[in-house]
Every structure is written in C-alpha cells, then in structure tokens.
PDB file of N, CA and C in Angstrom:
ATOM      1  N   MET A   1     124.883  98.078-153.158  1.00  0.00           N
ATOM      2  CA  MET A   1     124.642  97.301-154.356  1.00  0.00           C
ATOM      3  C   MET A   1     124.229  95.877-154.007  1.00  0.00           C
ATOM      4  N   VAL A   2     124.719  95.366-152.904  1.00  0.00           N
ATOM      5  CA  VAL A   2     124.389  93.991-152.523  1.00  0.00           C
ATOM      6  C   VAL A   2     122.883  93.827-152.335  1.00  0.00           C
ATOM      7  N   ASP A   3     122.244  94.779-151.620  1.00  0.00           N
ATOM      8  CA  ASP A   3     120.801  94.697-151.396  1.00  0.00           C
ATOM      9  C   ASP A   3     120.024  94.731-152.707  1.00  0.00           C
ATOM     10  N   GLU A   4     120.445  95.605-153.641  1.00  0.00           N
ATOM     11  CA  GLU A   4     119.771  95.702-154.934  1.00  0.00           C
ATOM     12  C   GLU A   4     119.914  94.396-155.712  1.00  0.00           C
ATOM     13  N   ALA A   5     121.105  93.804-155.682  1.00  0.00           N
ATOM     14  CA  ALA A   5     121.333  92.552-156.403  1.00  0.00           C
ATOM     15  C   ALA A   5     120.499  91.421-155.819  1.00  0.00           C
ATOM     16  N   VAL A   6     120.403  91.365-154.505  1.00  0.00           N
ATOM     17  CA  VAL A   6     119.589  90.329-153.852  1.00  0.00           C
ATOM     18  C   VAL A   6     118.116  90.517-154.206  1.00  0.00           C
ATOM     19  N   ALA A   7     117.634  91.744-154.132  1.00  0.00           N
ATOM     20  CA  ALA A   7     116.242  92.026-154.487  1.00  0.00           C
ATOM     21  C   ALA A   7     115.988  91.714-155.959  1.00  0.00           C
ATOM     22  N   ALA A   8     116.933  92.060-156.819  1.00  0.00           N
ATOM     23  CA  ALA A   8     116.776  91.793-158.251  1.00  0.00           C
ATOM     24  C   ALA A   8     116.726  90.293-158.522  1.00  0.00           C
ATOM     25  N   ARG A   9     117.554  89.528-157.855  1.00  0.00           N
ATOM     26  CA  ARG A   9     117.535  88.065-158.048  1.00  0.00           C
ATOM     27  C   ARG A   9     116.227  87.462-157.538  1.00  0.00           C
ATOM     28  N   HIS A  10     115.729  87.975-156.430  1.00  0.00           N
ATOM     29  CA  HIS A  10     114.441  87.506-155.906  1.00  0.00           C
ATOM     30  C   HIS A  10     113.323  87.832-156.900  1.00  0.00           C
ATOM     31  N   ALA A  11     113.344  89.045-157.454  1.00  0.00           N
ATOM     32  CA  ALA A  11     112.341  89.422-158.450  1.00  0.00           C
ATOM     33  C   ALA A  11     112.444  88.537-159.683  1.00  0.00           C
ATOM     34  N   LEU A  12     113.665  88.247-160.112  1.00  0.00           N
ATOM     35  CA  LEU A  12     113.835  87.373-161.271  1.00  0.00           C
ATOM     36  C   LEU A  12     113.280  85.983-160.995  1.00  0.00           C
ATOM     37  N   GLN A  13     113.561  85.438-159.818  1.00  0.00           N
ATOM     38  CA  GLN A  13     113.027  84.114-159.481  1.00  0.00           C
ATOM     39  C   GLN A  13     111.499  84.137-159.453  1.00  0.00           C
ATOM     40  N   SER A  14     110.921  85.211-158.978  1.00  0.00           N
ATOM     41  CA  SER A  14     109.462  85.355-158.970  1.00  0.00           C
ATOM     42  C   SER A  14     108.920  85.453-160.388  1.00  0.00           C
ATOM     43  N   TRP A  15     109.641  86.142-161.258  1.00  0.00           N
ATOM     44  CA  TRP A  15     109.251  86.264-162.664  1.00  0.00           C
ATOM     45  C   TRP A  15     109.320  84.883-163.337  1.00  0.00           C
ATOM     46  N   ILE A  16     110.396  84.149-163.086  1.00  0.00           N
ATOM     47  CA  ILE A  16     110.553  82.802-163.657  1.00  0.00           C
ATOM     48  C   ILE A  16     109.401  81.904-163.213  1.00  0.00           C
ATOM     49  N   ALA A  17     109.062  81.961-161.931  1.00  0.00           N
ATOM     50  CA  ALA A  17     107.965  81.140-161.411  1.00  0.00           C
ATOM     51  C   ALA A  17     106.630  81.547-162.041  1.00  0.00           C
ATOM     52  N   GLY A  18     106.370  82.834-162.153  1.00  0.00           N
ATOM     53  CA  GLY A  18     105.123  83.309-162.754  1.00  0.00           C
ATOM     54  C   GLY A  18     104.988  82.883-164.204  1.00  0.00           C
ATOM     55  N   ALA A  19     106.073  82.977-164.955  1.00  0.00           N
ATOM     56  CA  ALA A  19     106.041  82.570-166.361  1.00  0.00           C
ATOM     57  C   ALA A  19     105.800  81.063-166.486  1.00  0.00           C
ATOM     58  N   ALA A  20     106.305  80.307-165.527  1.00  0.00           N
ATOM     59  CA  ALA A  20     106.165  78.850-165.584  1.00  0.00           C
ATOM     60  C   ALA A  20     104.771  78.377-165.216  1.00  0.00           C
ATOM     61  N   ASP A  21     104.166  78.985-164.180  1.00  0.00           N
ATOM     62  CA  ASP A  21     102.893  78.427-163.695  1.00  0.00           C
ATOM     63  C   ASP A  21     101.719  79.408-163.681  1.00  0.00           C
ATOM     64  N   GLY A  22     101.957  80.657-164.071  1.00  0.00           N
ATOM     65  CA  GLY A  22     100.869  81.630-164.139  1.00  0.00           C
ATOM     66  C   GLY A  22     100.517  82.295-162.822  1.00  0.00           C
ATOM     67  N   ASP A  23     101.237  81.969-161.758  1.00  0.00           N
ATOM     68  CA  ASP A  23     100.989  82.603-160.457  1.00  0.00           C
ATOM     69  C   ASP A  23     101.984  83.743-160.278  1.00  0.00           C
ATOM     70  N   TRP A  24     101.510  84.950-160.518  1.00  0.00           N
ATOM     71  CA  TRP A  24     102.358  86.138-160.460  1.00  0.00           C
ATOM     72  C   TRP A  24     102.274  86.835-159.105  1.00  0.00           C
ATOM     73  N   SER A  25     101.598  86.253-158.144  1.00  0.00           N
ATOM     74  CA  SER A  25     101.344  86.931-156.864  1.00  0.00           C
ATOM     75  C   SER A  25     102.626  87.272-156.111  1.00  0.00           C
ATOM     76  N   GLN A  26     103.617  86.413-156.182  1.00  0.00           N
ATOM     77  CA  GLN A  26     104.871  86.695-155.465  1.00  0.00           C
ATOM     78  C   GLN A  26     105.541  87.943-156.048  1.00  0.00           C
ATOM     79  N   LEU A  27     105.580  88.052-157.371  1.00  0.00           N
ATOM     80  CA  LEU A  27     106.181  89.225-158.001  1.00  0.00           C
ATOM     81  C   LEU A  27     105.349  90.474-157.726  1.00  0.00           C
ATOM     82  N   ILE A  28     104.039  90.379-157.869  1.00  0.00           N
ATOM     83  CA  ILE A  28     103.167  91.528-157.617  1.00  0.00           C
ATOM     84  C   ILE A  28     103.332  92.026-156.179  1.00  0.00           C
ATOM     85  N   GLY A  29     103.493  91.101-155.245  1.00  0.00           N
ATOM     86  CA  GLY A  29     103.681  91.464-153.848  1.00  0.00           C
ATOM     87  C   GLY A  29     104.963  92.240-153.591  1.00  0.00           C
ATOM     88  N   MET A  30     105.932  92.104-154.471  1.00  0.00           N
ATOM     89  CA  MET A  30     107.204  92.822-154.323  1.00  0.00           C
ATOM     90  C   MET A  30     107.124  94.262-154.834  1.00  0.00           C
ATOM     91  N   LEU A  31     106.104  94.567-155.622  1.00  0.00           N
ATOM     92  CA  LEU A  31     106.035  95.871-156.281  1.00  0.00           C
ATOM     93  C   LEU A  31     105.617  96.986-155.335  1.00  0.00           C
ATOM     94  N   ASP A  32     106.218  98.139-155.544  1.00  0.00           N
ATOM     95  CA  ASP A  32     105.806  99.341-154.836  1.00  0.00           C
ATOM     96  C   ASP A  32     104.359  99.643-155.226  1.00  0.00           C
ATOM     97  N   PRO A  33     103.518 100.095-154.299  1.00  0.00           N
ATOM     98  CA  PRO A  33     102.129 100.415-154.650  1.00  0.00           C
ATOM     99  C   PRO A  33     102.005 101.428-155.792  1.00  0.00           C
ATOM    100  N   ASP A  34     103.019 102.269-155.974  1.00  0.00           N
ATOM    101  CA  ASP A  34     102.991 103.284-157.025  1.00  0.00           C
ATOM    102  C   ASP A  34     103.972 102.946-158.156  1.00  0.00           C
ATOM    103  N   VAL A  35     104.200 101.655-158.388  1.00  0.00           N
ATOM    104  CA  VAL A  35     105.152 101.221-159.413  1.00  0.00           C
ATOM    105  C   VAL A  35     104.806 101.843-160.768  1.00  0.00           C
ATOM    106  N   ALA A  36     105.834 102.245-161.503  1.00  0.00           N
ATOM    107  CA  ALA A  36     105.662 102.772-162.859  1.00  0.00           C
ATOM    108  C   ALA A  36     106.338 101.802-163.818  1.00  0.00           C
ATOM    109  N   PHE A  37     105.642 101.482-164.918  1.00  0.00           N
ATOM    110  CA  PHE A  37     106.205 100.537-165.875  1.00  0.00           C
ATOM    111  C   PHE A  37     105.634 100.818-167.255  1.00  0.00           C
ATOM    112  N   SER A  38     106.307 100.316-168.254  1.00  0.00           N
ATOM    113  CA  SER A  38     105.880 100.493-169.634  1.00  0.00           C
ATOM    114  C   SER A  38     105.633  99.121-170.233  1.00  0.00           C
ATOM    115  N   VAL A  39     104.556  98.999-171.001  1.00  0.00           N
ATOM    116  CA  VAL A  39     104.166  97.698-171.543  1.00  0.00           C
ATOM    117  C   VAL A  39     104.050  97.783-173.066  1.00  0.00           C
ATOM    118  N   PRO A  40     104.739  96.884-173.782  1.00  0.00           N
ATOM    119  CA  PRO A  40     104.638  96.859-175.240  1.00  0.00           C
ATOM    120  C   PRO A  40     103.679  95.774-175.741  1.00  0.00           C
ATOM    121  N   VAL A  41     102.672  95.438-174.954  1.00  0.00           N
ATOM    122  CA  VAL A  41     101.762  94.337-175.275  1.00  0.00           C
ATOM    123  C   VAL A  41     100.401  94.892-175.678  1.00  0.00           C
ATOM    124  N   GLU A  42      99.850  94.347-176.762  1.00  0.00           N
ATOM    125  CA  GLU A  42      98.538  94.797-177.246  1.00  0.00           C
ATOM    126  C   GLU A  42      97.509  94.783-176.115  1.00  0.00           C
ATOM    127  N   GLY A  43      96.744  95.852-176.028  1.00  0.00           N
ATOM    128  CA  GLY A  43      95.747  95.995-174.986  1.00  0.00           C
ATOM    129  C   GLY A  43      96.284  96.665-173.723  1.00  0.00           C
ATOM    130  N   PHE A  44      97.597  96.790-173.636  1.00  0.00           N
ATOM    131  CA  PHE A  44      98.229  97.393-172.458  1.00  0.00           C
ATOM    132  C   PHE A  44      99.296  98.410-172.856  1.00  0.00           C
ATOM    133  N   HIS A  45      99.410  98.718-174.151  1.00  0.00           N
ATOM    134  CA  HIS A  45     100.468  99.601-174.654  1.00  0.00           C
ATOM    135  C   HIS A  45     100.598 100.869-173.822  1.00  0.00           C
ATOM    136  N   GLY A  46     101.840 101.231-173.571  1.00  0.00           N
ATOM    137  CA  GLY A  46     102.114 102.523-172.962  1.00  0.00           C
ATOM    138  C   GLY A  46     102.570 102.446-171.530  1.00  0.00           C
ATOM    139  N   ASP A  47     102.661 103.611-170.939  1.00  0.00           N
ATOM    140  CA  ASP A  47     103.111 103.738-169.557  1.00  0.00           C
ATOM    141  C   ASP A  47     101.951 103.451-168.612  1.00  0.00           C
ATOM    142  N   ARG A  48     102.228 102.695-167.592  1.00  0.00           N
ATOM    143  CA  ARG A  48     101.231 102.312-166.583  1.00  0.00           C
ATOM    144  C   ARG A  48     101.767 102.664-165.209  1.00  0.00           C
ATOM    145  N   ARG A  49     100.857 102.801-164.260  1.00  0.00           N
ATOM    146  CA  ARG A  49     101.272 103.132-162.891  1.00  0.00           C
ATOM    147  C   ARG A  49     100.354 102.449-161.908  1.00  0.00           C
ATOM    148  N   GLY A  50     100.969 101.921-160.848  1.00  0.00           N
ATOM    149  CA  GLY A  50     100.229 101.357-159.732  1.00  0.00           C
ATOM    150  C   GLY A  50     100.175  99.842-159.722  1.00  0.00           C
ATOM    151  N   ARG A  51     100.122  99.313-158.512  1.00  0.00           N
ATOM    152  CA  ARG A  51     100.077  97.863-158.341  1.00  0.00           C
ATOM    153  C   ARG A  51      98.809  97.264-158.955  1.00  0.00           C
ATOM    154  N   SER A  52      97.689  98.010-158.927  1.00  0.00           N
ATOM    155  CA  SER A  52      96.456  97.473-159.509  1.00  0.00           C
ATOM    156  C   SER A  52      96.594  97.322-161.025  1.00  0.00           C
ATOM    157  N   GLU A  53      97.260  98.266-161.690  1.00  0.00           N
ATOM    158  CA  GLU A  53      97.511  98.128-163.132  1.00  0.00           C
ATOM    159  C   GLU A  53      98.447  96.953-163.394  1.00  0.00           C
ATOM    160  N   ALA A  54      99.451  96.788-162.542  1.00  0.00           N
ATOM    161  CA  ALA A  54     100.357  95.652-162.692  1.00  0.00           C
ATOM    162  C   ALA A  54      99.597  94.339-162.509  1.00  0.00           C
ATOM    163  N   SER A  55      98.715  94.291-161.532  1.00  0.00           N
ATOM    164  CA  SER A  55      97.915  93.083-161.301  1.00  0.00           C
ATOM    165  C   SER A  55      97.050  92.766-162.510  1.00  0.00           C
ATOM    166  N   ARG A  56      96.462  93.781-163.104  1.00  0.00           N
ATOM    167  CA  ARG A  56      95.635  93.588-164.295  1.00  0.00           C
ATOM    168  C   ARG A  56      96.473  93.039-165.450  1.00  0.00           C
ATOM    169  N   PHE A  57      97.671  93.593-165.645  1.00  0.00           N
ATOM    170  CA  PHE A  57      98.555  93.115-166.708  1.00  0.00           C
ATOM    171  C   PHE A  57      98.990  91.676-166.451  1.00  0.00           C
ATOM    172  N   PHE A  58      99.388  91.375-165.222  1.00  0.00           N
ATOM    173  CA  PHE A  58      99.856  90.023-164.929  1.00  0.00           C
ATOM    174  C   PHE A  58      98.713  89.000-164.961  1.00  0.00           C
ATOM    175  N   ALA A  59      97.485  89.429-164.713  1.00  0.00           N
ATOM    176  CA  ALA A  59      96.340  88.528-164.891  1.00  0.00           C
ATOM    177  C   ALA A  59      96.230  88.133-166.360  1.00  0.00           C
ATOM    178  N   HIS A  60      96.491  89.079-167.249  1.00  0.00           N
ATOM    179  CA  HIS A  60      96.516  88.786-168.687  1.00  0.00           C
ATOM    180  C   HIS A  60      97.632  87.789-168.981  1.00  0.00           C
ATOM    181  N   LEU A  61      98.810  88.030-168.432  1.00  0.00           N
ATOM    182  CA  LEU A  61      99.928  87.107-168.668  1.00  0.00           C
ATOM    183  C   LEU A  61      99.627  85.709-168.138  1.00  0.00           C
ATOM    184  N   ALA A  62      98.913  85.630-167.023  1.00  0.00           N
ATOM    185  CA  ALA A  62      98.589  84.323-166.438  1.00  0.00           C
ATOM    186  C   ALA A  62      97.803  83.466-167.422  1.00  0.00           C
ATOM    187  N   GLU A  63      96.993  84.129-168.250  1.00  0.00           N
ATOM    188  CA  GLU A  63      96.213  83.400-169.259  1.00  0.00           C
ATOM    189  C   GLU A  63      97.026  83.117-170.523  1.00  0.00           C
ATOM    190  N   ALA A  64      97.971  83.991-170.847  1.00  0.00           N
ATOM    191  CA  ALA A  64      98.639  83.948-172.145  1.00  0.00           C
ATOM    192  C   ALA A  64     100.028  83.315-172.143  1.00  0.00           C
ATOM    193  N   VAL A  65     100.686  83.267-171.004  1.00  0.00           N
ATOM    194  CA  VAL A  65     102.099  82.885-170.982  1.00  0.00           C
ATOM    195  C   VAL A  65     102.334  81.628-170.153  1.00  0.00           C
ATOM    196  N   ARG A  66     103.051  80.699-170.750  1.00  0.00           N
ATOM    197  CA  ARG A  66     103.638  79.566-170.041  1.00  0.00           C
ATOM    198  C   ARG A  66     104.991  79.340-170.690  1.00  0.00           C
ATOM    199  N   ALA A  67     106.036  79.666-169.964  1.00  0.00           N
ATOM    200  CA  ALA A  67     107.366  79.610-170.554  1.00  0.00           C
ATOM    201  C   ALA A  67     108.405  79.249-169.507  1.00  0.00           C
ATOM    202  N   GLU A  68     109.474  78.697-169.998  1.00  0.00           N
ATOM    203  CA  GLU A  68     110.646  78.436-169.169  1.00  0.00           C
ATOM    204  C   GLU A  68     111.658  79.532-169.467  1.00  0.00           C
ATOM    205  N   LEU A  69     111.995  80.313-168.453  1.00  0.00           N
ATOM    206  CA  LEU A  69     112.971  81.386-168.594  1.00  0.00           C
ATOM    207  C   LEU A  69     114.287  80.934-167.985  1.00  0.00           C
ATOM    208  N   THR A  70     115.365  81.097-168.730  1.00  0.00           N
ATOM    209  CA  THR A  70     116.688  80.723-168.239  1.00  0.00           C
ATOM    210  C   THR A  70     117.589  81.946-168.296  1.00  0.00           C
ATOM    211  N   PRO A  71     118.070  82.427-167.144  1.00  0.00           N
ATOM    212  CA  PRO A  71     118.964  83.587-167.148  1.00  0.00           C
ATOM    213  C   PRO A  71     120.249  83.273-167.912  1.00  0.00           C
ATOM    214  N   THR A  72     120.658  84.209-168.771  1.00  0.00           N
ATOM    215  CA  THR A  72     121.886  84.027-169.540  1.00  0.00           C
ATOM    216  C   THR A  72     122.940  85.075-169.204  1.00  0.00           C
ATOM    217  N   SER A  73     122.522  86.243-168.737  1.00  0.00           N
ATOM    218  CA  SER A  73     123.462  87.305-168.371  1.00  0.00           C
ATOM    219  C   SER A  73     122.862  88.178-167.285  1.00  0.00           C
ATOM    220  N   THR A  74     123.746  88.714-166.463  1.00  0.00           N
ATOM    221  CA  THR A  74     123.348  89.711-165.471  1.00  0.00           C
ATOM    222  C   THR A  74     124.049  91.009-165.846  1.00  0.00           C
ATOM    223  N   LEU A  75     123.272  92.073-165.918  1.00  0.00           N
ATOM    224  CA  LEU A  75     123.799  93.372-166.300  1.00  0.00           C
ATOM    225  C   LEU A  75     123.680  94.311-165.104  1.00  0.00           C
ATOM    226  N   VAL A  76     124.772  94.962-164.735  1.00  0.00           N
ATOM    227  CA  VAL A  76     124.780  95.841-163.578  1.00  0.00           C
ATOM    228  C   VAL A  76     125.381  97.184-163.974  1.00  0.00           C
ATOM    229  N   GLN A  77     124.677  98.260-163.603  1.00  0.00           N
ATOM    230  CA  GLN A  77     125.201  99.603-163.786  1.00  0.00           C
ATOM    231  C   GLN A  77     124.797 100.413-162.570  1.00  0.00           C
ATOM    232  N   GLY A  78     125.735 100.705-161.704  1.00  0.00           N
ATOM    233  CA  GLY A  78     125.422 101.411-160.468  1.00  0.00           C
ATOM    234  C   GLY A  78     124.460 100.595-159.628  1.00  0.00           C
ATOM    235  N   ASP A  79     123.315 101.191-159.286  1.00  0.00           N
ATOM    236  CA  ASP A  79     122.339 100.475-158.473  1.00  0.00           C
ATOM    237  C   ASP A  79     121.246  99.815-159.316  1.00  0.00           C
ATOM    238  N   ARG A  80     121.468  99.733-160.627  1.00  0.00           N
ATOM    239  CA  ARG A  80     120.504  99.097-161.531  1.00  0.00           C
ATOM    240  C   ARG A  80     120.995  97.701-161.904  1.00  0.00           C
ATOM    241  N   VAL A  81     120.080  96.745-161.857  1.00  0.00           N
ATOM    242  CA  VAL A  81     120.404  95.360-162.195  1.00  0.00           C
ATOM    243  C   VAL A  81     119.378  94.888-163.210  1.00  0.00           C
ATOM    244  N   ALA A  82     119.845  94.256-164.268  1.00  0.00           N
ATOM    245  CA  ALA A  82     118.960  93.705-165.284  1.00  0.00           C
ATOM    246  C   ALA A  82     119.429  92.299-165.623  1.00  0.00           C
ATOM    247  N   PHE A  83     118.499  91.506-166.126  1.00  0.00           N
ATOM    248  CA  PHE A  83     118.835  90.146-166.502  1.00  0.00           C
ATOM    249  C   PHE A  83     118.437  89.898-167.944  1.00  0.00           C
ATOM    250  N   GLU A  84     119.276  89.204-168.661  1.00  0.00           N
ATOM    251  CA  GLU A  84     118.934  88.709-169.987  1.00  0.00           C
ATOM    252  C   GLU A  84     118.522  87.256-169.799  1.00  0.00           C
ATOM    253  N   VAL A  85     117.425  86.874-170.433  1.00  0.00           N
ATOM    254  CA  VAL A  85     116.953  85.497-170.308  1.00  0.00           C
ATOM    255  C   VAL A  85     116.647  84.917-171.677  1.00  0.00           C
ATOM    256  N   SER A  86     116.813  83.602-171.784  1.00  0.00           N
ATOM    257  CA  SER A  86     116.293  82.917-172.962  1.00  0.00           C
ATOM    258  C   SER A  86     114.904  82.418-172.593  1.00  0.00           C
ATOM    259  N   VAL A  87     114.024  82.353-173.583  1.00  0.00           N
ATOM    260  CA  VAL A  87     112.636  81.989-173.345  1.00  0.00           C
ATOM    261  C   VAL A  87     112.280  80.797-174.225  1.00  0.00           C
ATOM    262  N   ARG A  88     111.692  79.792-173.573  1.00  0.00           N
ATOM    263  CA  ARG A  88     111.198  78.641-174.308  1.00  0.00           C
ATOM    264  C   ARG A  88     109.772  78.395-173.875  1.00  0.00           C
ATOM    265  N   GLY A  89     108.855  78.438-174.802  1.00  0.00           N
ATOM    266  CA  GLY A  89     107.446  78.229-174.472  1.00  0.00           C
ATOM    267  C   GLY A  89     106.596  79.251-175.180  1.00  0.00           C
ATOM    268  N   ARG A  90     105.437  79.561-174.583  1.00  0.00           N
ATOM    269  CA  ARG A  90     104.540  80.550-175.186  1.00  0.00           C
ATOM    270  C   ARG A  90     104.307  81.703-174.235  1.00  0.00           C
TER     271      ARG A  90
END
C-alpha cells in the first residue's frame, strides 16, 4: 500500500501542477501506455484508452483549465487511493 500511496500522491501533485499552469506532461508521463479512463467532458465523452488519447484530452485541458486544486481528503480502499479536492479557478 505504501508504494500505491506514494505513486498516488505524485500523480496528484502532477495533476495540481497541470491544472495550475497547463503543462500536463509530468502526469501524462506517469500513465501506462494502455491507460483506460472515462471522460465526462463534451467532445471527449465516454471510455478512452491509450496514452495518445490521454494526451489529446489533456491538450484540451491545457487550453481550457487554470485552477488551484487543494486536497481536502484522502480516500483509501485496499490498493486504491483517491483524493477529494476543492477547485478554485476555471
């Protein structure tokens, strides 16, 4: 669990940095080449797969998002780690 928590915190810090300055490269670099994810954002709705799809989505975010994310809670269940954040910005 320690390794998962460390990786999750690193991913969160990369997410915070990307939201703040639009540079998502650190987070994208952490993703498995065959990453699977679901997006609820117009133009990207649905299930997506692969680092190239993630790069395309985060390129969209780089143009659309500038926000300050502040972690408020850490949620842990087995080897899964999630973070709740407050968001200030666009």
